[in-house]
Protein backbone atom coordinates (compact mmCIF):
# COMPACT_ATOMS: atom_id res chain seq x y z
CA MET A 1 26.19 9.07 9.85
CA LYS A 2 29.24 7.22 9.49
CA LYS A 3 32.73 9.28 9.08
CA SER A 4 34.24 8.86 6.14
CA ILE A 5 37.17 6.51 4.80
CA GLY A 6 40.29 6.40 2.07
CA LEU A 7 40.01 3.35 -0.10
CA ALA A 8 43.66 2.12 -1.68
CA SER A 9 42.45 0.00 -4.21
CA ALA A 10 41.59 0.41 -7.93
CA SER A 11 38.88 -2.42 -8.17
CA PRO A 12 35.64 -1.10 -8.95
CA ARG A 13 34.82 -4.37 -7.09
CA ARG A 14 35.80 -3.14 -3.84
CA ARG A 15 33.96 0.10 -4.14
CA GLU A 16 30.69 -1.28 -5.23
CA LEU A 17 31.05 -3.81 -2.28
CA LEU A 18 32.33 -0.92 0.28
CA SER A 19 28.92 1.11 -1.20
CA GLN A 20 26.90 -1.86 0.18
CA LEU A 21 27.91 -1.10 3.72
CA GLN A 22 27.04 2.25 2.92
CA GLN A 23 30.61 3.42 3.82
CA PRO A 24 30.97 7.06 2.40
CA PHE A 25 34.57 6.91 1.34
CA GLU A 26 37.52 8.77 -0.93
CA LEU A 27 39.87 6.66 -3.81
CA ILE A 28 43.35 6.83 -2.72
CA LYS A 29 45.62 6.13 -5.74
CA ILE A 30 48.88 4.04 -4.38
CA ASP A 31 51.60 2.20 -5.61
CA VAL A 32 52.96 -0.73 -3.48
CA ASP A 33 55.01 -3.79 -4.42
CA GLU A 34 53.15 -6.69 -4.96
CA GLN A 35 55.71 -9.03 -5.40
CA MET A 36 55.93 -11.96 -2.83
CA SER A 37 58.88 -12.68 -0.91
CA GLU A 38 60.07 -16.61 -1.53
CA ASP A 39 60.24 -17.48 2.42
CA GLU A 40 56.54 -15.52 2.21
CA SER A 41 53.51 -18.12 3.16
CA ALA A 42 50.19 -17.03 0.94
CA LEU A 43 48.66 -15.81 4.10
CA ASP A 44 51.36 -13.59 5.53
CA TYR A 45 51.91 -12.52 1.55
CA VAL A 46 47.92 -11.69 1.21
CA ARG A 47 47.97 -9.94 4.56
CA ARG A 48 51.18 -7.86 3.64
CA LEU A 49 49.63 -6.76 1.10
CA ALA A 50 46.33 -5.35 2.33
CA VAL A 51 48.80 -3.73 5.23
CA SER A 52 51.17 -2.16 2.74
CA LYS A 53 47.76 -0.60 0.53
CA ALA A 54 46.75 0.73 3.71
CA ARG A 55 49.97 2.40 4.53
CA ALA A 56 51.06 3.86 1.81
CA GLY A 57 47.02 5.71 1.98
CA ALA A 58 47.71 6.68 5.28
CA GLU A 59 50.66 8.42 4.82
CA GLN A 60 48.85 10.66 1.62
CA VAL A 61 45.88 11.61 3.79
CA LEU A 62 48.29 12.17 6.99
CA ALA A 63 45.95 10.58 9.51
CA ARG A 64 43.60 12.96 8.14
CA LEU A 65 40.87 9.52 8.14
CA PRO A 66 41.10 5.92 8.45
CA VAL A 67 42.35 4.17 5.32
CA LEU A 68 41.03 0.49 4.29
CA GLY A 69 43.45 -1.43 1.76
CA ALA A 70 42.90 -5.01 1.13
CA ASP A 71 44.05 -7.57 -1.31
CA THR A 72 42.63 -10.99 -2.82
CA ILE A 73 44.59 -13.97 -3.96
CA VAL A 74 43.74 -17.36 -5.59
CA VAL A 75 45.82 -20.40 -4.06
CA ILE A 76 45.63 -24.10 -5.40
CA ASP A 77 47.82 -26.66 -4.22
CA GLY A 78 50.74 -24.04 -2.24
CA GLN A 79 50.91 -22.09 -5.23
CA VAL A 80 49.65 -18.62 -5.63
CA LEU A 81 47.63 -17.52 -9.14
CA GLY A 82 47.77 -14.18 -9.73
CA LYS A 83 46.79 -11.83 -12.92
CA PRO A 84 47.19 -14.48 -16.25
CA HIS A 85 49.88 -12.99 -18.17
CA ASP A 86 48.72 -13.84 -21.35
CA LYS A 87 46.23 -16.52 -23.41
CA ALA A 88 48.58 -19.33 -22.51
CA HIS A 89 49.10 -18.57 -18.69
CA PHE A 90 45.02 -18.32 -18.37
CA MET A 91 44.65 -21.50 -19.72
CA GLN A 92 47.13 -23.56 -17.44
CA MET A 93 45.69 -21.98 -14.71
CA MET A 94 42.30 -23.00 -15.57
CA GLN A 95 43.92 -26.15 -16.18
CA TRP A 96 45.18 -26.18 -12.57
CA LEU A 97 41.55 -25.14 -11.54
CA SER A 98 39.72 -27.28 -13.70
CA GLY A 99 37.55 -30.16 -11.48
CA ARG A 100 39.20 -29.00 -8.56
CA GLN A 101 39.06 -26.92 -5.17
CA HIS A 102 41.02 -24.12 -4.68
CA GLN A 103 41.26 -21.13 -1.87
CA VAL A 104 40.62 -17.42 -2.28
CA HIS A 105 42.20 -15.48 1.00
CA THR A 106 40.99 -11.72 1.47
CA ALA A 107 43.06 -9.88 3.54
CA VAL A 108 41.84 -6.05 4.43
CA ALA A 109 43.49 -3.87 6.51
CA ILE A 110 42.33 -0.28 8.69
CA ILE A 111 44.83 2.31 9.48
CA CYS A 112 43.95 4.91 11.69
CA GLY A 113 47.23 7.07 12.63
CA ASP A 114 49.20 4.64 15.03
CA GLN A 115 46.35 2.09 14.64
CA GLN A 116 46.27 -0.92 12.56
CA LEU A 117 43.17 -3.71 12.72
CA ASP A 118 43.53 -6.44 9.88
CA VAL A 119 41.79 -9.74 9.01
CA VAL A 120 42.61 -12.52 6.47
CA VAL A 121 39.02 -14.50 5.05
CA SER A 122 39.68 -17.83 3.58
CA THR A 123 36.97 -19.44 1.46
CA GLN A 124 37.22 -22.55 -0.54
CA VAL A 125 35.81 -22.92 -4.44
CA HIS A 126 35.20 -25.87 -6.18
CA PHE A 127 35.34 -25.29 -9.90
CA CYS A 128 33.53 -27.79 -12.65
CA VAL A 129 35.34 -29.64 -15.17
CA LEU A 130 36.07 -26.71 -18.19
CA THR A 131 37.15 -28.24 -21.23
CA SER A 132 39.37 -26.25 -23.48
CA ALA A 133 36.31 -25.03 -25.47
CA MET A 134 35.16 -23.26 -22.34
CA MET A 135 38.21 -21.55 -21.44
CA GLU A 136 38.76 -20.73 -25.06
CA ALA A 137 35.28 -19.24 -24.66
CA TYR A 138 36.34 -17.43 -21.52
CA TRP A 139 39.30 -16.15 -22.44
CA GLN A 140 37.57 -14.72 -25.35
CA THR A 141 35.07 -12.46 -23.04
CA GLY A 142 38.13 -9.98 -21.75
CA GLU A 143 36.86 -10.98 -18.59
CA PRO A 144 40.10 -13.03 -16.59
CA VAL A 145 42.50 -10.78 -18.23
CA ASP A 146 42.44 -8.68 -14.68
CA LYS A 147 41.54 -10.92 -12.33
CA ALA A 148 43.50 -13.01 -9.74
CA GLY A 149 43.31 -16.51 -10.83
CA GLY A 150 41.93 -15.35 -13.95
CA TYR A 151 38.25 -15.56 -12.97
CA GLY A 152 35.55 -13.10 -11.41
CA ILE A 153 33.08 -14.81 -9.35
CA GLN A 154 30.89 -12.09 -9.61
CA GLY A 155 30.88 -12.16 -13.63
CA ILE A 156 30.78 -14.63 -16.32
CA GLY A 157 33.62 -16.84 -14.60
CA GLY A 158 30.71 -17.35 -11.95
CA LYS A 159 29.40 -20.05 -14.08
CA PHE A 160 32.35 -22.43 -13.42
CA VAL A 161 31.86 -22.44 -9.75
CA THR A 162 30.02 -25.40 -8.43
CA ARG A 163 30.08 -24.82 -4.74
CA ILE A 164 32.02 -22.16 -2.00
CA GLU A 165 32.73 -22.82 1.46
CA GLY A 166 32.77 -19.30 2.89
CA SER A 167 32.25 -15.57 1.96
CA TYR A 168 30.93 -15.51 -1.26
CA SER A 169 32.10 -11.03 -1.18
CA ALA A 170 35.31 -12.29 -0.01
CA VAL A 171 36.15 -14.00 -3.28
CA VAL A 172 34.32 -11.02 -4.90
CA GLY A 173 37.26 -9.07 -3.12
CA LEU A 174 36.07 -7.76 0.07
CA PRO A 175 34.41 -9.68 2.99
CA LEU A 176 31.69 -7.27 3.87
CA TYR A 177 30.94 -8.82 7.27
CA GLU A 178 34.43 -8.48 8.35
CA THR A 179 35.09 -5.40 6.78
CA GLU A 180 31.94 -3.86 8.80
CA GLN A 181 33.37 -5.10 11.84
CA LEU A 182 36.98 -3.69 11.63
CA LEU A 183 35.10 -0.25 10.88
CA LEU A 184 33.32 -0.70 14.04
CA GLN A 185 36.61 -1.67 15.79
CA MET A 186 38.13 1.23 14.18
CA GLU A 187 35.36 3.77 15.21
CA GLY A 188 35.43 2.73 18.49
CA ILE A 189 39.68 3.40 19.11
CA ALA A 190 40.41 6.44 16.49
C-alpha cells in the first residue's frame, strides 16, 4: 500500500488526478506569492511556484510526509496568461488563443525533508477560430473564471481544442505519468 503524501493545492482537478494514481493524500492549505518576477522565464516561474507550494506545505507537516505542489500556466507568444480578471480580460485572452497554438506548462514538485524532486511538462495546445458569440457563450457558463488561460480543457472549453501535442493530464493540472515517476523516485530516496 502506498504511503500518504501531502497535497499543497486547492485545485479540485489536482485532487481528482492524484486519486487516479491511487495515491492516498491529505490536503494542506497554503498561501504563496504567485507574482511573476520581471526577469523570470515562464518555465522558471511555473517551477518556482510548484516548489514554493511544496515547500510551504512541507513546513506545515514538519517533514512528517512528502508534500506535492504543482502549478499550471498558459503561455502564448512568450506571454503568461493567468486567470481572467474580468470579462474584458477573458475576451482578450480568447482572441489571442483563437485559431492559434499555445503552450501549457505544468510543474510538479515533491519535497520530503531535505529531498526535492521536480519536473516541468510542456504541452502544445491548438485552438479553433473563435467567434465573439462563442467566447460570450463560454464566458456565460462561468467555467473560465478560475482557469489559467481562461479555459478548462476537461470541461466545456475542451470543444475549442483541435489537437494537443503532449500530456492531456498536464493541461488539466497534473501530469499523471511524470507525477507517478516522481513519487516512485521519492519513495526510493525518502
